[in-house]
Protein backbone atom coordinates (compact mmCIF):
# COMPACT_ATOMS: atom_id res chain seq x y z
CA MET A 1 33.31 -15.43 113.36
CA ALA A 2 34.31 -14.39 116.86
CA VAL A 3 37.72 -15.38 118.01
CA SER A 4 37.88 -16.48 121.63
CA SER A 5 40.59 -14.94 123.73
CA PRO A 6 43.26 -17.28 125.06
CA PRO A 7 42.96 -18.35 128.68
CA GLN A 8 44.70 -16.11 131.21
CA LEU A 9 47.65 -17.89 132.70
CA ASN A 10 49.39 -16.97 135.92
CA PRO A 11 52.95 -15.73 135.45
CA VAL A 12 55.63 -18.19 136.40
CA GLY A 13 56.28 -18.08 140.14
CA LYS A 14 53.15 -16.04 140.93
CA LYS A 15 50.79 -17.52 143.49
CA PRO A 16 47.20 -18.05 142.32
CA GLN A 17 44.58 -15.69 143.68
CA ILE A 18 42.14 -17.24 146.15
CA GLN A 19 38.45 -16.67 145.46
CA LEU A 20 36.62 -15.98 148.71
CA PHE A 21 33.50 -18.00 147.86
CA ASN A 22 35.26 -20.69 145.83
CA LEU A 23 37.65 -22.16 148.36
CA SER A 24 39.24 -25.56 147.99
CA TRP A 25 38.82 -28.18 150.69
CA PRO A 26 42.27 -27.59 152.24
CA TRP A 27 41.32 -23.94 152.70
CA ARG A 28 37.95 -24.82 154.20
CA ILE A 29 39.49 -27.30 156.64
CA MET A 30 42.18 -24.79 157.60
CA LEU A 31 39.68 -22.00 158.23
CA GLY A 32 37.38 -24.31 160.16
CA TYR A 33 40.17 -25.58 162.37
CA LEU A 34 41.51 -22.07 163.04
CA THR A 35 38.01 -20.84 163.81
CA ILE A 36 37.37 -23.56 166.38
CA MET A 37 40.82 -23.62 167.97
CA LEU A 38 41.88 -19.95 167.74
CA PHE A 39 39.33 -17.38 166.65
CA LEU A 40 36.35 -18.52 168.76
CA PRO A 41 38.28 -18.73 172.08
CA ILE A 42 39.76 -15.26 171.49
CA ALA A 43 36.33 -13.89 170.55
CA ALA A 44 34.80 -15.46 173.67
CA LEU A 45 37.46 -13.84 175.86
CA LEU A 46 36.90 -10.43 174.28
CA LEU A 47 33.12 -10.72 174.53
CA LYS A 48 33.38 -11.68 178.19
CA ALA A 49 35.68 -8.73 178.84
CA SER A 50 33.27 -6.39 177.03
CA THR A 51 30.56 -7.15 179.60
CA VAL A 52 32.63 -5.19 182.11
CA GLY A 53 32.31 -1.44 181.77
CA PRO A 54 35.33 0.62 180.71
CA ALA A 55 35.73 2.12 184.18
CA GLU A 56 35.57 -1.28 185.88
CA PHE A 57 37.90 -2.77 183.26
CA TRP A 58 40.46 -0.03 183.92
CA ARG A 59 40.10 -0.42 187.69
CA ILE A 60 40.77 -4.17 187.57
CA ALA A 61 43.54 -3.95 184.97
CA THR A 62 45.40 -1.22 186.90
CA SER A 63 44.80 -2.44 190.45
CA SER A 64 47.86 -2.57 192.68
CA ILE A 65 47.99 -6.36 192.76
CA ALA A 66 47.64 -6.55 188.96
CA LEU A 67 50.39 -3.97 188.39
CA SER A 68 52.64 -5.89 190.76
CA ALA A 69 51.94 -9.12 188.87
CA TYR A 70 52.71 -7.40 185.54
CA ASP A 71 55.99 -6.13 186.96
CA VAL A 72 57.05 -9.55 188.23
CA THR A 73 56.00 -11.24 184.99
CA PHE A 74 57.41 -8.92 182.34
CA THR A 75 60.47 -7.59 184.13
CA THR A 76 61.63 -11.04 185.24
CA ALA A 77 60.88 -12.51 181.80
CA LEU A 78 62.85 -9.74 180.09
CA ILE A 79 65.87 -10.23 182.37
CA ALA A 80 65.74 -14.00 181.84
CA ALA A 81 65.49 -13.57 178.05
CA LEU A 82 68.46 -11.18 177.97
CA ILE A 83 70.59 -13.54 180.07
CA ASN A 84 69.68 -16.41 177.74
CA GLY A 85 70.57 -14.16 174.81
CA VAL A 86 74.18 -14.13 176.05
CA PHE A 87 74.52 -17.73 177.20
CA GLY A 88 72.34 -19.06 174.38
CA LEU A 89 74.75 -17.52 171.88
CA LEU A 90 77.68 -19.11 173.72
CA ILE A 91 76.02 -22.54 173.78
CA ALA A 92 75.00 -22.36 170.12
CA TRP A 93 78.54 -21.29 169.18
CA VAL A 94 80.12 -24.24 171.01
CA LEU A 95 77.64 -26.74 169.56
CA VAL A 96 78.21 -25.52 165.99
CA ARG A 97 81.94 -24.76 165.97
CA TYR A 98 83.40 -27.50 168.19
CA ASP A 99 83.42 -31.31 168.22
CA PHE A 100 83.65 -32.96 171.62
CA PRO A 101 82.49 -36.15 173.38
CA LEU A 102 78.77 -36.40 174.15
CA LYS A 103 78.04 -33.48 171.83
CA ARG A 104 74.87 -35.09 170.46
CA LEU A 105 73.64 -35.83 173.98
CA ILE A 106 74.15 -32.23 175.08
CA ASP A 107 72.56 -30.95 171.88
CA ALA A 108 69.51 -33.15 172.49
CA ALA A 109 69.34 -32.03 176.13
CA ILE A 110 68.78 -28.44 174.97
CA ASP A 111 65.28 -29.48 173.89
CA LEU A 112 64.47 -30.98 177.30
CA PRO A 113 62.34 -27.98 178.39
CA PHE A 114 60.21 -28.57 175.28
CA ALA A 115 59.49 -32.21 176.15
CA LEU A 116 59.44 -32.05 179.94
CA PRO A 117 56.01 -31.32 181.49
CA THR A 118 56.14 -27.92 183.12
CA ALA A 119 54.89 -29.27 186.44
CA VAL A 120 57.74 -31.80 186.51
CA ALA A 121 60.19 -29.02 185.65
CA GLY A 122 58.87 -26.88 188.50
CA LEU A 123 59.06 -29.76 190.96
CA THR A 124 62.64 -30.52 189.89
CA LEU A 125 63.74 -26.90 190.09
CA ALA A 126 62.11 -26.44 193.48
CA ALA A 127 63.94 -29.51 194.82
CA VAL A 128 67.31 -28.44 193.40
CA TYR A 129 67.11 -24.77 194.35
CA SER A 130 65.48 -25.12 197.77
CA GLU A 131 67.50 -24.42 200.90
CA ASN A 132 68.20 -28.15 201.23
CA GLY A 133 68.76 -28.73 197.50
CA TRP A 134 72.02 -29.31 195.68
CA ILE A 135 72.31 -25.72 194.44
CA GLY A 136 70.14 -23.88 196.95
CA SER A 137 72.19 -25.20 199.87
CA LEU A 138 75.30 -23.52 198.39
CA PHE A 139 73.62 -20.09 198.54
CA ALA A 140 71.78 -20.55 201.83
CA PRO A 141 74.84 -19.77 204.05
CA PHE A 142 75.04 -16.35 202.34
CA GLY A 143 71.39 -15.60 203.09
CA ILE A 144 70.35 -16.03 199.44
CA LYS A 145 67.08 -17.89 199.02
CA ILE A 146 66.20 -18.99 195.49
CA ALA A 147 63.16 -21.27 195.61
CA PHE A 148 59.83 -19.67 196.57
CA THR A 149 61.11 -16.19 195.76
CA ARG A 150 61.18 -13.96 192.70
CA LEU A 151 64.67 -15.28 192.02
CA GLY A 152 63.17 -18.76 191.69
CA VAL A 153 60.66 -17.38 189.17
CA GLY A 154 63.62 -16.09 187.15
CA VAL A 155 65.34 -19.48 187.30
CA ALA A 156 62.21 -21.19 185.96
CA MET A 157 61.94 -18.64 183.15
CA LEU A 158 65.61 -19.17 182.28
CA PHE A 159 65.04 -22.91 182.10
CA ILE A 160 62.02 -22.88 179.81
CA SER A 161 63.19 -20.08 177.47
CA LEU A 162 66.79 -21.20 176.78
CA PRO A 163 65.98 -23.56 173.84
CA PHE A 164 64.33 -20.75 171.86
CA VAL A 165 67.56 -18.73 171.75
CA VAL A 166 69.83 -21.70 171.00
CA ARG A 167 67.63 -23.17 168.26
CA THR A 168 67.19 -19.77 166.62
CA LEU A 169 70.94 -19.11 166.47
CA GLN A 170 72.17 -22.55 165.44
CA PRO A 171 70.99 -22.43 161.78
CA VAL A 172 72.45 -18.95 161.34
CA LEU A 173 75.81 -20.02 162.75
CA GLN A 174 75.85 -23.12 160.56
CA GLU A 175 75.39 -20.99 157.44
CA MET A 176 78.18 -18.57 158.34
CA GLU A 177 81.43 -19.40 156.59
CA LYS A 178 84.50 -19.65 158.77
CA GLU A 179 86.57 -18.16 155.95
CA ILE A 180 85.09 -14.76 156.85
CA GLU A 181 86.75 -14.93 160.26
CA GLU A 182 90.03 -16.11 158.76
CA ALA A 183 89.95 -13.23 156.28
CA ALA A 184 89.45 -10.76 159.13
CA TRP A 185 92.34 -12.30 161.06
CA SER A 186 94.59 -12.15 158.00
CA LEU A 187 93.85 -8.42 157.75
CA GLY A 188 95.07 -7.89 161.29
CA ALA A 189 91.79 -7.93 163.21
CA SER A 190 91.85 -9.35 166.73
CA HIS A 191 89.40 -11.99 167.93
CA ALA A 192 87.37 -9.33 169.73
CA GLN A 193 87.25 -7.08 166.66
CA THR A 194 86.26 -10.03 164.48
CA PHE A 195 83.40 -10.88 166.80
CA TRP A 196 82.03 -7.34 167.21
CA LYS A 197 82.47 -6.12 163.64
CA VAL A 198 82.24 -9.26 161.49
CA LEU A 199 80.23 -11.93 163.33
CA LEU A 200 77.82 -10.00 165.54
CA PRO A 201 76.08 -7.85 162.87
CA PRO A 202 74.64 -10.82 160.91
CA LEU A 203 73.89 -12.64 164.17
CA PHE A 204 72.16 -9.71 165.85
CA PRO A 205 68.71 -10.14 164.17
CA ALA A 206 68.69 -13.84 165.11
CA ILE A 207 69.72 -12.99 168.68
CA LEU A 208 66.86 -10.48 168.96
CA THR A 209 64.40 -13.00 167.51
CA GLY A 210 65.51 -15.71 169.96
CA VAL A 211 65.33 -13.29 172.88
CA ALA A 212 61.85 -12.17 171.83
CA LEU A 213 60.64 -15.77 171.50
CA GLY A 214 62.13 -16.68 174.88
CA PHE A 215 60.57 -13.59 176.44
CA SER A 216 57.10 -14.40 175.10
CA ARG A 217 57.45 -18.03 176.28
CA ALA A 218 58.52 -16.92 179.76
CA VAL A 219 55.58 -14.50 180.01
CA GLY A 220 53.10 -17.31 179.34
CA GLU A 221 54.71 -19.87 181.66
CA TYR A 222 52.54 -21.24 184.49
CA GLY A 223 53.19 -24.88 185.43
CA SER A 224 56.78 -24.64 186.62
CA ILE A 225 56.47 -21.19 188.21
CA VAL A 226 53.43 -22.05 190.30
CA ILE A 227 55.52 -24.74 192.03
CA ILE A 228 58.83 -22.94 192.50
CA SER A 229 57.25 -19.63 193.60
CA SER A 230 55.28 -18.81 196.73
CA SER A 231 52.65 -16.94 194.63
CA ILE A 232 52.40 -14.20 197.25
CA PRO A 233 51.08 -10.85 195.96
CA PHE A 234 53.64 -8.02 195.75
CA LYS A 235 56.43 -10.60 196.09
CA ASP A 236 56.61 -13.24 193.35
CA LEU A 237 53.06 -13.51 192.01
CA ILE A 238 52.95 -13.61 188.20
CA ALA A 239 50.00 -12.65 186.01
CA SER A 240 49.04 -16.16 184.90
CA VAL A 241 48.91 -17.39 188.50
CA LEU A 242 46.87 -14.31 189.42
CA ILE A 243 44.33 -15.27 186.75
CA PHE A 244 44.06 -18.76 188.24
CA GLN A 245 43.63 -17.31 191.74
CA ARG A 246 40.80 -15.10 190.49
CA LEU A 247 39.10 -18.13 188.96
CA GLU A 248 39.42 -20.02 192.25
CA GLN A 249 37.67 -17.07 193.93
CA PHE A 250 34.93 -17.18 191.23
CA ASP A 251 35.98 -13.70 190.12
CA TYR A 252 35.48 -14.43 186.44
CA ALA A 253 35.36 -10.75 185.49
CA GLY A 254 38.73 -10.07 187.11
CA ALA A 255 40.32 -13.14 185.48
CA THR A 256 38.92 -12.15 182.08
CA VAL A 257 40.19 -8.58 182.31
CA ILE A 258 43.73 -9.63 183.26
CA GLY A 259 43.64 -12.32 180.57
CA THR A 260 42.60 -9.72 177.99
CA VAL A 261 45.50 -7.47 179.00
CA LEU A 262 47.92 -10.38 178.56
CA LEU A 263 46.29 -11.19 175.20
CA PHE A 264 46.92 -7.72 173.79
CA ILE A 265 50.46 -7.67 175.13
CA SER A 266 51.07 -11.09 173.54
CA LEU A 267 49.72 -9.83 170.20
CA PHE A 268 52.07 -6.87 170.43
CA MET A 269 55.01 -9.21 171.11
CA LEU A 270 53.97 -11.42 168.18
CA LEU A 271 54.03 -8.37 165.91
CA ALA A 272 57.47 -7.42 167.23
CA ILE A 273 58.77 -10.95 166.61
CA ASN A 274 57.47 -10.89 163.02
CA LEU A 275 59.14 -7.53 162.42
CA LEU A 276 62.41 -8.87 163.81
CA GLN A 277 62.21 -11.92 161.57
CA ALA A 278 61.52 -9.69 158.54
CA TRP A 279 64.53 -7.57 159.50
CA GLY A 280 66.64 -10.71 159.77
CA ARG A 281 65.61 -11.87 156.29
CA ARG A 282 66.49 -8.44 154.91
CA TYR A 283 69.91 -8.78 156.51
CA GLU A 284 70.37 -12.12 154.76
């Protein structure tokens, strides 16, 4: 009499293997939604870009106006992300370590760029930083023009990317025990030494992740920048606005090529962000 083997059970804590042709309904719905909302649009963009020959693709992607737009977009976004890396750390530190009046209101205001429509943000920034605005009028006597210049593009990128740095650092700061600082002080370390040698190392992966997220958000910004900038080539024209200008001129090939370049750069940044997050978890 044959003895049947016992059923194979998954070890405790091990995730079950997914059979490709025996998917549950949650998997089918997830794959269907991702296909419609993510994979098909990306495939359509790549197929449209493939209709342009390699030589023509390279000519459009490396044209002088496109290179200028890349420079304005990525250089300004990087500078804005680095500045927010410093001030975002300061803001997160104050919100976590100090109690003061209106703290909850200020903490909630950090998320304002998330909720505020980008067009409204651009209109507000343009009004405040114009030559007749509250802040722009203070710089106008010194010959410094903010709105409708590359400096205005940087201000808009600072505004929309700040929450990413603050919200990335806050949970890390909340988990850090203050006794570590007190132990360093008791051993004779100064406040500066405590910050650089005790606090900064565990915070550094989170700072890099927040800066990378803010940088990627600033690169993809359109609504606020198109209002506060003059969108003049070789001055303050960003890549996303250049794509829209090409579409207005019915240059679909040019818009697709530049969009494909931005897509691959965004995928590279997404990979970098995932690597930074993995590094941060290893640090923990």
